[in-house]
Amino acid sequence: PYPSKFDEGIITQIVRKFKPPGSRENVTLDESKTNRTMGG
């Protein structure tokens, strides 16, 4: 039930902290699928 941007923040921070050195992270909401921001 949490806001979409909250989940995105958690995932982004985990990726930033544990990704391989020198790599960049990209976390995006898949808008091709119904999501909670659309009532999913």
All heavy atoms as atom14 arrays in JSON, in Angstrom:
{
  "sequence": "PYPSKFDEGIITQIVRKFKPPGSRENVTLDESKTNRTMGG",
  "atom14_mask": [
    [1, 1, 1, 1, 1, 1, 1, 0, 0, 0, 0, 0, 0, 0],
    [1, 1, 1, 1, 1, 1, 1, 1, 1, 1, 1, 1, 0, 0],
    [1, 1, 1, 1, 1, 1, 1, 0, 0, 0, 0, 0, 0, 0],
    [1, 1, 1, 1, 1, 1, 0, 0, 0, 0, 0, 0, 0, 0],
    [1, 1, 1, 1, 1, 1, 1, 1, 1, 0, 0, 0, 0, 0],
    [1, 1, 1, 1, 1, 1, 1, 1, 1, 1, 1, 0, 0, 0],
    [1, 1, 1, 1, 1, 1, 1, 1, 0, 0, 0, 0, 0, 0],
    [1, 1, 1, 1, 1, 1, 1, 1, 1, 0, 0, 0, 0, 0],
    [1, 1, 1, 1, 0, 0, 0, 0, 0, 0, 0, 0, 0, 0],
    [1, 1, 1, 1, 1, 1, 1, 1, 0, 0, 0, 0, 0, 0],
    [1, 1, 1, 1, 1, 1, 1, 1, 0, 0, 0, 0, 0, 0],
    [1, 1, 1, 1, 1, 1, 1, 0, 0, 0, 0, 0, 0, 0],
    [1, 1, 1, 1, 1, 1, 1, 1, 1, 0, 0, 0, 0, 0],
    [1, 1, 1, 1, 1, 1, 1, 1, 0, 0, 0, 0, 0, 0],
    [1, 1, 1, 1, 1, 1, 1, 0, 0, 0, 0, 0, 0, 0],
    [1, 1, 1, 1, 1, 1, 1, 1, 1, 1, 1, 0, 0, 0],
    [1, 1, 1, 1, 1, 1, 1, 1, 1, 0, 0, 0, 0, 0],
    [1, 1, 1, 1, 1, 1, 1, 1, 1, 1, 1, 0, 0, 0],
    [1, 1, 1, 1, 1, 1, 1, 1, 1, 0, 0, 0, 0, 0],
    [1, 1, 1, 1, 1, 1, 1, 0, 0, 0, 0, 0, 0, 0],
    [1, 1, 1, 1, 1, 1, 1, 0, 0, 0, 0, 0, 0, 0],
    [1, 1, 1, 1, 0, 0, 0, 0, 0, 0, 0, 0, 0, 0],
    [1, 1, 1, 1, 1, 1, 0, 0, 0, 0, 0, 0, 0, 0],
    [1, 1, 1, 1, 1, 1, 1, 1, 1, 1, 1, 0, 0, 0],
    [1, 1, 1, 1, 1, 1, 1, 1, 1, 0, 0, 0, 0, 0],
    [1, 1, 1, 1, 1, 1, 1, 1, 0, 0, 0, 0, 0, 0],
    [1, 1, 1, 1, 1, 1, 1, 0, 0, 0, 0, 0, 0, 0],
    [1, 1, 1, 1, 1, 1, 1, 0, 0, 0, 0, 0, 0, 0],
    [1, 1, 1, 1, 1, 1, 1, 1, 0, 0, 0, 0, 0, 0],
    [1, 1, 1, 1, 1, 1, 1, 1, 0, 0, 0, 0, 0, 0],
    [1, 1, 1, 1, 1, 1, 1, 1, 1, 0, 0, 0, 0, 0],
    [1, 1, 1, 1, 1, 1, 0, 0, 0, 0, 0, 0, 0, 0],
    [1, 1, 1, 1, 1, 1, 1, 1, 1, 0, 0, 0, 0, 0],
    [1, 1, 1, 1, 1, 1, 1, 0, 0, 0, 0, 0, 0, 0],
    [1, 1, 1, 1, 1, 1, 1, 1, 0, 0, 0, 0, 0, 0],
    [1, 1, 1, 1, 1, 1, 1, 1, 1, 1, 1, 0, 0, 0],
    [1, 1, 1, 1, 1, 1, 1, 0, 0, 0, 0, 0, 0, 0],
    [1, 1, 1, 1, 1, 1, 1, 1, 0, 0, 0, 0, 0, 0],
    [1, 1, 1, 1, 0, 0, 0, 0, 0, 0, 0, 0, 0, 0],
    [1, 1, 1, 1, 0, 0, 0, 0, 0, 0, 0, 0, 0, 0]
  ],
  "atom14_positions": [
    [[0.78, -1.24, 0.0], [0.0, 0.0, 0.0], [0.82, 1.29, 0.0], [0.26, 2.38, 0.09], [-0.82, -0.12, 1.28], [0.03, -0.92, 2.2], [0.75, -1.89, 1.31], [0.0, 0.0, 0.0], [0.0, 0.0, 0.0], [0.0, 0.0, 0.0], [0.0, 0.0, 0.0], [0.0, 0.0, 0.0], [0.0, 0.0, 0.0], [0.0, 0.0, 0.0]],
    [[2.13, 1.19, -0.09], [2.96, 2.38, -0.03], [3.01, 3.1, -1.38], [2.78, 2.49, -2.42], [4.36, 2.02, 0.47], [4.31, 1.66, 1.93], [4.25, 0.34, 2.35], [4.26, 2.65, 2.91], [4.14, 0.0, 3.68], [4.17, 2.33, 4.24], [4.1, 1.01, 4.63], [3.99, 0.69, 5.95], [0.0, 0.0, 0.0], [0.0, 0.0, 0.0]],
    [[3.34, 4.39, -1.37], [3.4, 5.13, -2.63], [4.49, 4.59, -3.56], [5.55, 4.17, -3.11], [3.69, 6.57, -2.21], [3.76, 6.6, -0.75], [3.62, 5.23, -0.21], [0.0, 0.0, 0.0], [0.0, 0.0, 0.0], [0.0, 0.0, 0.0], [0.0, 0.0, 0.0], [0.0, 0.0, 0.0], [0.0, 0.0, 0.0], [0.0, 0.0, 0.0]],
    [[4.23, 4.66, -4.83], [5.14, 4.17, -5.84], [6.53, 4.8, -5.71], [7.55, 4.12, -5.81], [4.54, 4.49, -7.22], [5.42, 4.14, -8.23], [0.0, 0.0, 0.0], [0.0, 0.0, 0.0], [0.0, 0.0, 0.0], [0.0, 0.0, 0.0], [0.0, 0.0, 0.0], [0.0, 0.0, 0.0], [0.0, 0.0, 0.0], [0.0, 0.0, 0.0]],
    [[6.6, 6.1, -5.49], [7.9, 6.78, -5.39], [8.69, 6.33, -4.16], [9.92, 6.32, -4.17], [7.73, 8.3, -5.38], [7.5, 8.88, -6.74], [8.73, 8.68, -7.62], [8.59, 9.35, -8.95], [9.72, 9.07, -9.84], [0.0, 0.0, 0.0], [0.0, 0.0, 0.0], [0.0, 0.0, 0.0], [0.0, 0.0, 0.0], [0.0, 0.0, 0.0]],
    [[7.99, 5.95, -3.11], [8.64, 5.41, -1.91], [9.35, 4.1, -2.27], [10.52, 3.91, -1.95], [7.58, 5.19, -0.83], [8.08, 4.54, 0.43], [8.87, 5.24, 1.33], [7.71, 3.24, 0.75], [9.31, 4.65, 2.51], [8.13, 2.64, 1.92], [8.94, 3.35, 2.81], [0.0, 0.0, 0.0], [0.0, 0.0, 0.0], [0.0, 0.0, 0.0]],
    [[8.63, 3.2, -2.95], [9.24, 1.94, -3.37], [10.43, 2.18, -4.29], [11.47, 1.55, -4.14], [8.21, 1.07, -4.11], [7.11, 0.54, -3.2], [7.25, 0.6, -1.97], [6.1, 0.04, -3.74], [0.0, 0.0, 0.0], [0.0, 0.0, 0.0], [0.0, 0.0, 0.0], [0.0, 0.0, 0.0], [0.0, 0.0, 0.0], [0.0, 0.0, 0.0]],
    [[10.28, 3.11, -5.21], [11.37, 3.43, -6.13], [12.61, 3.92, -5.37], [13.74, 3.56, -5.7], [10.92, 4.49, -7.13], [11.93, 4.79, -8.21], [11.44, 5.83, -9.2], [10.22, 5.95, -9.42], [12.3, 6.54, -9.74], [0.0, 0.0, 0.0], [0.0, 0.0, 0.0], [0.0, 0.0, 0.0], [0.0, 0.0, 0.0], [0.0, 0.0, 0.0]],
    [[12.39, 4.71, -4.32], [13.5, 5.2, -3.5], [14.22, 4.08, -2.77], [15.46, 4.04, -2.72], [0.0, 0.0, 0.0], [0.0, 0.0, 0.0], [0.0, 0.0, 0.0], [0.0, 0.0, 0.0], [0.0, 0.0, 0.0], [0.0, 0.0, 0.0], [0.0, 0.0, 0.0], [0.0, 0.0, 0.0], [0.0, 0.0, 0.0], [0.0, 0.0, 0.0]],
    [[13.47, 3.14, -2.21], [14.08, 1.99, -1.51], [14.92, 1.18, -2.49], [16.09, 0.87, -2.22], [13.0, 1.08, -0.88], [12.24, 1.81, 0.22], [13.65, -0.19, -0.32], [11.0, 1.07, 0.72], [0.0, 0.0, 0.0], [0.0, 0.0, 0.0], [0.0, 0.0, 0.0], [0.0, 0.0, 0.0], [0.0, 0.0, 0.0], [0.0, 0.0, 0.0]],
    [[14.34, 0.83, -3.62], [15.05, 0.01, -4.62], [16.29, 0.74, -5.12], [17.38, 0.16, -5.2], [14.11, -0.35, -5.79], [12.95, -1.23, -5.29], [14.88, -1.05, -6.91], [11.79, -1.34, -6.27], [0.0, 0.0, 0.0], [0.0, 0.0, 0.0], [0.0, 0.0, 0.0], [0.0, 0.0, 0.0], [0.0, 0.0, 0.0], [0.0, 0.0, 0.0]],
    [[16.16, 2.02, -5.42], [17.29, 2.81, -5.92], [18.44, 2.81, -4.92], [19.61, 2.62, -5.3], [16.84, 4.25, -6.22], [15.86, 4.22, -7.26], [18.01, 5.13, -6.66], [0.0, 0.0, 0.0], [0.0, 0.0, 0.0], [0.0, 0.0, 0.0], [0.0, 0.0, 0.0], [0.0, 0.0, 0.0], [0.0, 0.0, 0.0], [0.0, 0.0, 0.0]],
    [[18.15, 2.99, -3.65], [19.21, 3.04, -2.64], [19.91, 1.68, -2.49], [21.13, 1.63, -2.33], [18.67, 3.52, -1.29], [19.75, 3.87, -0.3], [20.65, 5.01, -0.76], [20.32, 5.8, -1.63], [21.83, 5.08, -0.18], [0.0, 0.0, 0.0], [0.0, 0.0, 0.0], [0.0, 0.0, 0.0], [0.0, 0.0, 0.0], [0.0, 0.0, 0.0]],
    [[19.15, 0.61, -2.54], [19.76, -0.73, -2.47], [20.69, -0.94, -3.67], [21.82, -1.41, -3.52], [18.67, -1.83, -2.43], [17.96, -1.83, -1.07], [19.26, -3.21, -2.75], [18.78, -2.34, 0.1], [0.0, 0.0, 0.0], [0.0, 0.0, 0.0], [0.0, 0.0, 0.0], [0.0, 0.0, 0.0], [0.0, 0.0, 0.0], [0.0, 0.0, 0.0]],
    [[20.21, -0.56, -4.86], [21.05, -0.73, -6.06], [22.31, 0.13, -5.94], [23.42, -0.34, -6.22], [20.26, -0.41, -7.35], [21.16, -0.46, -8.58], [19.09, -1.38, -7.53], [0.0, 0.0, 0.0], [0.0, 0.0, 0.0], [0.0, 0.0, 0.0], [0.0, 0.0, 0.0], [0.0, 0.0, 0.0], [0.0, 0.0, 0.0], [0.0, 0.0, 0.0]],
    [[22.17, 1.37, -5.51], [23.34, 2.25, -5.36], [24.36, 1.67, -4.39], [25.56, 1.75, -4.62], [22.91, 3.63, -4.86], [22.34, 4.48, -5.93], [22.01, 5.87, -5.46], [21.39, 6.59, -6.57], [20.72, 7.71, -6.45], [20.56, 8.27, -5.27], [20.19, 8.28, -7.51], [0.0, 0.0, 0.0], [0.0, 0.0, 0.0], [0.0, 0.0, 0.0]],
    [[23.87, 1.11, -3.32], [24.77, 0.62, -2.28], [25.46, -0.69, -2.65], [26.6, -0.92, -2.26], [23.99, 0.45, -0.97], [24.86, 0.12, 0.19], [24.14, 0.28, 1.5], [25.11, -0.08, 2.61], [24.77, 0.4, 3.87], [0.0, 0.0, 0.0], [0.0, 0.0, 0.0], [0.0, 0.0, 0.0], [0.0, 0.0, 0.0], [0.0, 0.0, 0.0]],
    [[24.79, -1.55, -3.42], [25.32, -2.9, -3.66], [25.66, -3.23, -5.11], [26.08, -4.34, -5.41], [24.33, -3.94, -3.1], [24.19, -3.85, -1.62], [23.1, -3.22, -1.05], [25.17, -4.36, -0.78], [22.97, -3.11, 0.33], [25.05, -4.26, 0.6], [23.95, -3.63, 1.16], [0.0, 0.0, 0.0], [0.0, 0.0, 0.0], [0.0, 0.0, 0.0]],
    [[25.54, -2.28, -6.02], [25.89, -2.53, -7.42], [27.41, -2.67, -7.56], [28.17, -2.21, -6.7], [25.37, -1.4, -8.31], [26.06, -0.07, -8.05], [25.46, 1.02, -8.91], [25.91, 2.35, -8.46], [26.94, 3.04, -8.94], [0.0, 0.0, 0.0], [0.0, 0.0, 0.0], [0.0, 0.0, 0.0], [0.0, 0.0, 0.0], [0.0, 0.0, 0.0]],
    [[27.86, -3.28, -8.63], [29.3, -3.39, -8.85], [29.94, -2.01, -8.98], [29.31, -1.08, -9.52], [29.41, -4.16, -10.18], [28.09, -4.84, -10.34], [27.08, -3.97, -9.66], [0.0, 0.0, 0.0], [0.0, 0.0, 0.0], [0.0, 0.0, 0.0], [0.0, 0.0, 0.0], [0.0, 0.0, 0.0], [0.0, 0.0, 0.0], [0.0, 0.0, 0.0]],
    [[31.17, -1.86, -8.52], [31.86, -0.56, -8.63], [31.93, -0.1, -10.08], [32.13, -0.89, -10.99], [33.26, -0.86, -8.08], [33.12, -2.09, -7.27], [31.99, -2.87, -7.86], [0.0, 0.0, 0.0], [0.0, 0.0, 0.0], [0.0, 0.0, 0.0], [0.0, 0.0, 0.0], [0.0, 0.0, 0.0], [0.0, 0.0, 0.0], [0.0, 0.0, 0.0]],
    [[31.72, 1.19, -10.27], [31.83, 1.78, -11.59], [30.57, 1.69, -12.44], [30.51, 2.28, -13.52], [0.0, 0.0, 0.0], [0.0, 0.0, 0.0], [0.0, 0.0, 0.0], [0.0, 0.0, 0.0], [0.0, 0.0, 0.0], [0.0, 0.0, 0.0], [0.0, 0.0, 0.0], [0.0, 0.0, 0.0], [0.0, 0.0, 0.0], [0.0, 0.0, 0.0]],
    [[29.57, 0.97, -11.98], [28.34, 0.87, -12.78], [27.35, 1.94, -12.31], [27.44, 2.45, -11.21], [27.73, -0.52, -12.65], [27.37, -0.79, -11.32], [0.0, 0.0, 0.0], [0.0, 0.0, 0.0], [0.0, 0.0, 0.0], [0.0, 0.0, 0.0], [0.0, 0.0, 0.0], [0.0, 0.0, 0.0], [0.0, 0.0, 0.0], [0.0, 0.0, 0.0]],
    [[26.42, 2.27, -13.19], [25.39, 3.26, -12.87], [24.07, 2.54, -12.68], [23.81, 1.53, -13.33], [25.24, 4.27, -14.0], [26.47, 5.11, -14.18], [26.26, 6.09, -15.3], [27.46, 6.9, -15.44], [27.45, 8.15, -15.76], [26.32, 8.77, -15.99], [28.57, 8.82, -15.86], [0.0, 0.0, 0.0], [0.0, 0.0, 0.0], [0.0, 0.0, 0.0]],
    [[23.23, 3.09, -11.83], [21.94, 2.46, -11.62], [20.84, 3.2, -12.36], [20.94, 4.4, -12.59], [21.6, 2.4, -10.12], [21.1, 3.67, -9.51], [22.18, 4.69, -9.21], [23.37, 4.35, -9.13], [21.82, 5.86, -9.04], [0.0, 0.0, 0.0], [0.0, 0.0, 0.0], [0.0, 0.0, 0.0], [0.0, 0.0, 0.0], [0.0, 0.0, 0.0]],
    [[19.83, 2.44, -12.75], [18.64, 3.01, -13.36], [17.45, 2.19, -12.88], [17.37, 0.98, -13.15], [18.75, 2.98, -14.89], [17.59, 3.68, -15.55], [16.99, 4.59, -14.98], [17.26, 3.27, -16.76], [0.0, 0.0, 0.0], [0.0, 0.0, 0.0], [0.0, 0.0, 0.0], [0.0, 0.0, 0.0], [0.0, 0.0, 0.0], [0.0, 0.0, 0.0]],
    [[16.57, 2.83, -12.15], [15.36, 2.18, -11.64], [14.18, 2.97, -12.19], [14.05, 4.16, -11.92], [15.33, 2.17, -10.1], [14.03, 1.56, -9.58], [16.54, 1.43, -9.53], [0.0, 0.0, 0.0], [0.0, 0.0, 0.0], [0.0, 0.0, 0.0], [0.0, 0.0, 0.0], [0.0, 0.0, 0.0], [0.0, 0.0, 0.0], [0.0, 0.0, 0.0]],
    [[13.33, 2.29, -12.98], [12.19, 2.99, -13.57], [10.92, 2.18, -13.39], [10.94, 0.94, -13.44], [12.4, 3.26, -15.08], [12.66, 2.02, -15.74], [13.54, 4.21, -15.33], [0.0, 0.0, 0.0], [0.0, 0.0, 0.0], [0.0, 0.0, 0.0], [0.0, 0.0, 0.0], [0.0, 0.0, 0.0], [0.0, 0.0, 0.0], [0.0, 0.0, 0.0]],
    [[9.85, 2.89, -13.19], [8.53, 2.28, -13.13], [8.15, 1.85, -14.54], [8.24, 2.64, -15.48], [7.52, 3.3, -12.59], [6.07, 2.87, -12.51], [5.9, 1.7, -11.53], [5.2, 4.04, -12.08], [0.0, 0.0, 0.0], [0.0, 0.0, 0.0], [0.0, 0.0, 0.0], [0.0, 0.0, 0.0], [0.0, 0.0, 0.0], [0.0, 0.0, 0.0]],
    [[7.76, 0.59, -14.69], [7.35, 0.07, -15.99], [5.93, 0.57, -16.27], [4.95, 0.02, -15.79], [7.4, -1.45, -15.99], [7.07, -2.05, -17.35], [6.67, -1.3, -18.26], [7.22, -3.28, -17.49], [0.0, 0.0, 0.0], [0.0, 0.0, 0.0], [0.0, 0.0, 0.0], [0.0, 0.0, 0.0], [0.0, 0.0, 0.0], [0.0, 0.0, 0.0]],
    [[5.85, 1.63, -17.06], [4.55, 2.24, -17.34], [3.79, 1.53, -18.45], [2.67, 1.9, -18.77], [4.73, 3.73, -17.64], [5.22, 4.47, -16.41], [5.24, 5.97, -16.55], [4.65, 6.49, -17.51], [5.84, 6.61, -15.68], [0.0, 0.0, 0.0], [0.0, 0.0, 0.0], [0.0, 0.0, 0.0], [0.0, 0.0, 0.0], [0.0, 0.0, 0.0]],
    [[4.39, 0.47, -19.01], [3.66, -0.33, -20.01], [2.67, -1.27, -19.32], [1.83, -1.87, -19.97], [4.63, -1.13, -20.87], [5.23, -2.19, -20.13], [0.0, 0.0, 0.0], [0.0, 0.0, 0.0], [0.0, 0.0, 0.0], [0.0, 0.0, 0.0], [0.0, 0.0, 0.0], [0.0, 0.0, 0.0], [0.0, 0.0, 0.0], [0.0, 0.0, 0.0]],
    [[2.8, -1.39, -17.99], [1.89, -2.23, -17.22], [1.08, -1.36, -16.27], [1.55, -0.32, -15.82], [2.68, -3.26, -16.41], [3.48, -4.2, -17.29], [4.2, -5.24, -16.46], [5.15, -5.98, -17.31], [5.02, -7.19, -17.74], [0.0, 0.0, 0.0], [0.0, 0.0, 0.0], [0.0, 0.0, 0.0], [0.0, 0.0, 0.0], [0.0, 0.0, 0.0]],
    [[-0.13, -1.79, -15.99], [-0.95, -1.06, -15.03], [-0.21, -1.03, -13.7], [0.34, -2.05, -13.27], [-2.32, -1.74, -14.86], [-2.94, -1.8, -16.15], [-3.21, -0.96, -13.93], [0.0, 0.0, 0.0], [0.0, 0.0, 0.0], [0.0, 0.0, 0.0], [0.0, 0.0, 0.0], [0.0, 0.0, 0.0], [0.0, 0.0, 0.0], [0.0, 0.0, 0.0]],
    [[-0.18, 0.12, -13.06], [0.52, 0.23, -11.78], [-0.37, 0.94, -10.76], [-1.47, 1.38, -11.08], [1.86, 0.92, -11.97], [1.72, 2.31, -12.55], [1.14, 3.19, -11.92], [2.22, 2.52, -13.76], [0.0, 0.0, 0.0], [0.0, 0.0, 0.0], [0.0, 0.0, 0.0], [0.0, 0.0, 0.0], [0.0, 0.0, 0.0], [0.0, 0.0, 0.0]],
    [[0.11, 1.03, -9.54], [-0.69, 1.62, -8.46], [-1.02, 3.08, -8.72], [-2.05, 3.57, -8.27], [0.01, 1.45, -7.11], [0.03, 0.02, -6.64], [0.51, -0.12, -5.2], [1.65, 0.69, -4.87], [2.9, 0.25, -4.79], [3.19, -1.01, -5.03], [3.87, 1.06, -4.47], [0.0, 0.0, 0.0], [0.0, 0.0, 0.0], [0.0, 0.0, 0.0]],
    [[-0.16, 3.8, -9.44], [-0.47, 5.2, -9.73], [-1.66, 5.32, -10.67], [-2.27, 6.38, -10.77], [0.76, 5.94, -10.33], [1.07, 5.36, -11.59], [1.95, 5.87, -9.4], [0.0, 0.0, 0.0], [0.0, 0.0, 0.0], [0.0, 0.0, 0.0], [0.0, 0.0, 0.0], [0.0, 0.0, 0.0], [0.0, 0.0, 0.0], [0.0, 0.0, 0.0]],
    [[-1.98, 4.22, -11.37], [-3.13, 4.18, -12.28], [-4.31, 3.42, -11.66], [-5.26, 3.08, -12.35], [-2.75, 3.45, -13.58], [-1.61, 4.01, -14.33], [-1.23, 2.81, -15.65], [0.05, 3.66, -16.51], [0.0, 0.0, 0.0], [0.0, 0.0, 0.0], [0.0, 0.0, 0.0], [0.0, 0.0, 0.0], [0.0, 0.0, 0.0], [0.0, 0.0, 0.0]],
    [[-4.2, 3.09, -10.38], [-5.25, 2.33, -9.71], [-5.04, 0.83, -9.75], [-5.92, 0.07, -9.33], [0.0, 0.0, 0.0], [0.0, 0.0, 0.0], [0.0, 0.0, 0.0], [0.0, 0.0, 0.0], [0.0, 0.0, 0.0], [0.0, 0.0, 0.0], [0.0, 0.0, 0.0], [0.0, 0.0, 0.0], [0.0, 0.0, 0.0], [0.0, 0.0, 0.0]],
    [[-3.89, 0.37, -10.22], [-3.58, -1.06, -10.26], [-3.2, -1.6, -8.89], [-3.13, -0.86, -7.91], [0.0, 0.0, 0.0], [0.0, 0.0, 0.0], [0.0, 0.0, 0.0], [0.0, 0.0, 0.0], [0.0, 0.0, 0.0], [0.0, 0.0, 0.0], [0.0, 0.0, 0.0], [0.0, 0.0, 0.0], [0.0, 0.0, 0.0], [0.0, 0.0, 0.0]]
  ]
}
